[in-house]
Structures are given as C-alpha cells and as structure tokens.
Protein backbone atom coordinates (compact mmCIF):
# COMPACT_ATOMS: atom_id res chain seq x y z
CA UNK A 1 203.26 76.48 59.34
CA UNK A 2 203.97 80.23 57.60
CA UNK A 3 201.65 82.35 55.44
CA UNK A 4 203.66 81.07 52.21
CA UNK A 5 202.58 77.69 53.07
CA UNK A 6 199.12 78.13 54.07
CA UNK A 7 198.47 80.08 51.20
CA UNK A 8 200.29 77.44 48.58
CA UNK A 9 197.63 75.11 50.67
CA UNK A 10 194.69 76.83 49.62
CA UNK A 11 196.22 77.17 46.38
CA UNK A 12 196.08 73.48 45.50
CA UNK A 13 193.51 72.96 47.37
CA UNK A 14 191.84 75.61 45.06
CA UNK A 15 193.50 73.89 42.12
CA UNK A 16 192.47 70.59 43.41
CA UNK A 17 188.60 71.42 44.17
CA UNK A 18 188.75 73.53 40.61
CA UNK A 19 189.62 70.27 39.18
CA UNK A 20 187.00 68.13 40.43
CA UNK A 21 184.67 70.74 40.06
CA UNK A 22 185.83 70.34 35.96
CA UNK A 23 185.70 66.98 36.38
CA UNK A 24 182.00 66.48 37.39
CA UNK A 25 181.17 69.66 35.35
CA UNK A 26 182.27 67.51 32.74
CA UNK A 27 180.79 64.29 33.71
CA UNK A 28 177.63 65.53 33.83
CA UNK A 29 178.19 67.46 30.60
CA UNK A 30 178.61 64.19 29.00
CA UNK A 31 176.28 62.16 30.62
CA UNK A 32 173.26 64.99 29.18
CA UNK A 33 175.27 64.71 26.24
CA UNK A 34 174.02 61.34 25.69
CA UNK A 35 170.36 61.33 26.74
CA UNK A 36 170.02 64.57 25.07
CA UNK A 37 171.39 62.38 22.01
CA UNK A 38 169.06 59.14 22.66
CA UNK A 39 165.99 61.53 22.91
CA UNK A 40 167.30 63.21 19.78
CA UNK A 41 167.76 60.42 18.01
CA UNK A 42 164.46 58.57 19.59
CA UNK A 43 162.36 61.69 18.38
CA UNK A 44 164.27 61.78 15.39
CA UNK A 45 163.13 58.33 14.66
CA UNK A 46 159.13 58.43 15.14
CA UNK A 47 159.55 61.50 13.02
CA UNK A 48 160.57 59.59 10.62
CA UNK A 49 158.26 56.47 11.37
CA UNK A 50 155.18 59.62 11.21
CA UNK A 51 156.96 60.95 7.94
CA UNK A 52 156.97 57.55 6.52
CA UNK A 53 153.45 56.65 6.96
CA UNK A 54 152.24 60.10 6.11
CA UNK A 55 153.79 59.73 2.74
CA UNK A 56 152.46 55.56 2.60
CA UNK A 57 149.14 56.92 3.80
CA UNK A 58 148.88 60.07 1.05
CA UNK A 59 150.40 57.45 -2.35
CA UNK A 60 147.72 55.12 -0.76
CA UNK A 61 144.66 57.88 -1.45
CA UNK A 62 146.68 59.39 -4.22
CA UNK A 63 146.21 55.82 -5.87
CA UNK A 64 142.93 55.23 -4.59
CA UNK A 65 141.51 58.64 -6.23
CA UNK A 66 143.09 58.09 -9.11
CA UNK A 67 142.04 54.55 -9.47
CA UNK A 68 138.43 55.85 -8.65
CA UNK A 69 138.60 58.29 -10.92
CA UNK A 70 139.77 56.39 -13.45
CA UNK A 71 136.90 53.52 -13.33
CA UNK A 72 134.40 56.60 -13.01
CA UNK A 73 136.26 58.17 -16.25
CA UNK A 74 136.05 54.87 -17.94
CA UNK A 75 132.29 54.71 -16.40
CA UNK A 76 131.48 58.01 -18.68
CA UNK A 77 133.23 56.23 -21.72
CA UNK A 78 130.65 53.46 -21.57
CA UNK A 79 128.08 55.74 -21.07
CA UNK A 80 128.22 58.00 -23.63
CA UNK A 81 128.64 54.67 -26.58
CA UNK A 82 125.63 53.31 -25.21
CA UNK A 83 124.07 56.69 -25.61
CA UNK A 84 125.39 57.39 -29.31
CA UNK A 85 123.67 53.74 -30.08
CA UNK A 86 121.16 54.30 -28.79
CA UNK A 87 120.49 57.81 -30.30
CA UNK A 88 121.41 55.88 -33.45
CA UNK A 89 118.34 53.73 -33.62
CA UNK A 90 116.25 56.06 -35.29
CA UNK A 91 118.18 56.52 -38.10
CA UNK A 92 118.63 52.82 -37.96
CA UNK A 93 115.48 52.03 -38.48
CA UNK A 94 114.53 54.52 -41.68
CA UNK A 95 117.35 53.49 -43.00
CA UNK A 96 115.98 49.82 -43.71
CA UNK A 97 114.27 48.76 -46.57
CA UNK A 98 111.39 50.41 -47.24
CA UNK A 99 108.84 47.18 -47.11
CA UNK A 100 111.03 46.14 -43.84
CA UNK A 101 110.25 49.24 -42.09
CA UNK A 102 106.63 49.67 -43.52
CA UNK A 103 106.35 45.58 -42.09
CA UNK A 104 107.80 46.76 -38.76
CA UNK A 105 105.86 49.63 -38.64
CA UNK A 106 102.19 48.12 -38.85
CA UNK A 107 103.69 45.59 -36.08
CA UNK A 108 103.91 48.84 -34.02
CA UNK A 109 100.56 49.68 -34.50
CA UNK A 110 98.27 46.34 -34.34
CA UNK A 111 100.80 45.72 -30.57
CA UNK A 112 99.95 48.83 -29.44
CA UNK A 113 96.34 49.48 -30.45
CA UNK A 114 93.12 47.85 -31.29
CA UNK A 115 91.84 50.37 -33.78
CA UNK A 116 92.61 53.92 -34.36
CA UNK A 117 94.31 56.38 -36.89
CA UNK A 118 97.59 56.32 -38.11
CA UNK A 119 98.98 60.13 -38.17
CA UNK A 120 102.27 59.70 -39.63
CA UNK A 121 105.32 62.26 -38.87
CA UNK A 122 107.37 64.24 -41.73
CA UNK A 123 109.81 62.53 -42.27
CA UNK A 124 108.02 58.43 -42.23
CA UNK A 125 104.91 59.44 -44.46
CA UNK A 126 106.06 58.32 -47.45
CA UNK A 127 106.05 55.08 -45.73
CA UNK A 128 102.01 55.77 -44.88
CA UNK A 129 100.63 54.35 -48.22
CA UNK A 130 102.92 50.67 -47.50
CA UNK A 131 101.53 50.57 -43.85
CA UNK A 132 97.69 51.19 -45.21
CA UNK A 133 98.43 48.08 -48.03
CA UNK A 134 99.77 45.72 -45.10
CA UNK A 135 96.83 46.61 -42.55
CA UNK A 136 93.77 46.18 -45.49
CA UNK A 137 93.09 43.14 -43.54
CA UNK A 138 91.87 45.49 -40.46
CA UNK A 139 89.77 48.20 -40.77
CA UNK A 140 89.85 49.05 -37.65
CA UNK A 141 93.46 50.99 -38.81
CA UNK A 142 93.14 54.10 -40.60
CA UNK A 143 96.08 55.60 -41.78
CA UNK A 144 95.39 59.62 -41.60
CA UNK A 145 96.47 62.31 -44.91
CA UNK A 146 98.15 64.78 -42.85
CA UNK A 147 101.33 64.25 -40.81
CA UNK A 148 102.00 65.38 -37.00
CA UNK A 149 104.91 67.60 -36.40
CA UNK A 150 105.33 66.33 -32.75
CA UNK A 151 107.38 63.62 -33.69
CA UNK A 152 110.69 62.78 -35.00
CA UNK A 153 109.69 59.25 -36.73
CA UNK A 154 107.12 56.34 -37.22
CA UNK A 155 103.67 57.43 -36.05
CA UNK A 156 100.95 58.16 -33.12
CA UNK A 157 97.27 56.24 -33.24
CA UNK A 158 94.52 58.26 -32.03
CA UNK A 159 91.35 56.89 -31.60
CA UNK A 160 88.54 58.82 -29.15
CA UNK A 161 89.95 61.22 -26.93
CA UNK A 162 93.12 58.77 -26.80
CA UNK A 163 96.73 59.51 -28.57
CA UNK A 164 99.73 56.88 -28.09
CA UNK A 165 102.64 58.22 -29.43
CA UNK A 166 104.40 55.64 -31.90
CA UNK A 167 107.32 57.73 -32.48
CA UNK A 168 110.15 55.70 -33.03
CA UNK A 169 112.13 57.64 -30.31
CA UNK A 170 109.35 56.50 -27.27
CA UNK A 171 109.21 53.08 -28.41
CA UNK A 172 113.52 52.91 -28.13
CA UNK A 173 113.05 54.85 -24.82
CA UNK A 174 110.37 52.65 -23.72
CA UNK A 175 112.70 49.93 -24.31
CA UNK A 176 115.79 50.68 -22.91
CA UNK A 177 116.09 49.19 -19.54
CA UNK A 178 115.80 45.53 -21.68
CA UNK A 179 117.89 46.73 -24.90
CA UNK A 180 120.29 48.35 -22.48
CA UNK A 181 121.70 44.63 -20.78
CA UNK A 182 121.78 43.86 -24.68
CA UNK A 183 123.74 46.24 -25.62
CA UNK A 184 126.65 46.24 -22.49
CA UNK A 185 126.83 42.51 -23.55
CA UNK A 186 128.11 43.12 -27.37
CA UNK A 187 129.95 46.11 -26.92
CA UNK A 188 132.10 44.83 -23.43
CA UNK A 189 131.64 41.58 -23.49
CA UNK A 190 134.33 41.30 -20.82
CA UNK A 191 132.53 43.68 -18.51
CA UNK A 192 129.68 42.38 -17.21
CA UNK A 193 129.02 46.36 -15.41
CA UNK A 194 126.77 48.22 -16.91
CA UNK A 195 126.55 52.15 -15.81
C-alpha cells in the first residue's frame, strides 16, 4: 500500500469518525432538547397553575373583603338611622299636645320617686303648671318656680340630698336597650341584625 492509499484511508476513516461524532452529537442534542422542552412545559404548567391559584385566591380575598366592607357600611348606615331616630325622640315628645305631654311628665314623676320637688328644664317650664294640676292629689310633689339649666327637656326631682334626672334625654338613654329592638324591627323588618 502506498502512501496515497494510506492517506486516503485515513481521510475516509476520519470522515466516517466525524460523521459518527456528528450523528451522536445530533442525537444527544435532540434528546437534550426533548428533555429541556418537557421540563420547560412542566415548569411553565406549574407556573401557570400557581399563577391561576394565586389569581383565584386574590379574587376570593377581594370579594370577601368587599363583602365585609359592604356589610360594615350597611350596618353603619343602619346604626346612623337608629341614632337619628333616638336623637329625634326628645323633640317628638315636646311636639305632643300640651295636655298629653304634661300627663306623660306627671306619670314620669310618680314612677321615678315617691316625693320631691320638680325642677323643669327651661324648654318645658310652660307645662309645669299643667303637671302641678295633674299632681294636685299627690301633695308629696311640688313644682319649683325656678328651672334647671343642665337639662334640655323634662325635669329633675329633688328631695333631701337626692336628685333624680327625669330629662327626656335621660329617659330615652335608659330605655334605649329595650326600645332599640323595637326600632330595629320596625325600620328593618326583613333583617334581624341590630348592630
């Protein structure tokens, strides 16, 4: 064999080896590409699932928060309406016909104390004579000729060292827990919540 044949044989073998190496490299590259593509699909699917779950959780949280805030606003509005009703009660009493209002105040005096002097608020001093007339059968009650300035309506009963606040504001505040359930049931008949 001549040198030319040897060189040709080396070139053919080298070319065959290069083809084998290239073929093996392509096969490994294809396998690696398939592996990486499968991993990427799995990872992207996991990321998409996680993102969807997070989005659903966020939406549910926003809905829950919005629902809670909505209920709070409704309850606050109801509380405001109830407070307005109770704020209006004293002036509603003063708008009663004079005789009815005087009769109411005389009844308050009798239920509040067994005796005493009634000191009317400036606003209600005009009914003091009528109350005095209604209590004429009860000499243990007197009506003062002076008024008290520390109440807006009604009166205070004083005897010995005792002072009983019989102002309309005080009566309403004392009775509010009992009255509130009635007010709520009338204002919001479809709803049993109070607060």
